[in-house]
Amino acid sequence: MDCPDGMPALINAKVSGFYPSLNGGFALDFAEHLRSVFHGVRLAFSAGTMPRVIAGEQRAPRPYAAGGATLGIALGGK
């Protein structure tokens, strides 16, 4: 996280450790039969842990989660 008072401070620090993560996705191809360039939606997610550095010292890892959606456009014949 950046410093809250304007310009972020640059701090030299070393981080080491094991930080597992998981990525996954799910696709819905429900519009394949339509005569349109739209063929479906793909949803993706990720979760895991990331290192934390506070005042130049490594602290306990912090969990994170993220998600998103992708619109796939297919052109051409089958």
Foldseek 3Di string as FASTA:
>chain_A
DADPPPHGDDEDADDDDDKDKDKDKDWDQPCCPPPDQFGTKMKIKMKIWDWDADPRDTDDIDIDMDIDMDTHGDDDDD
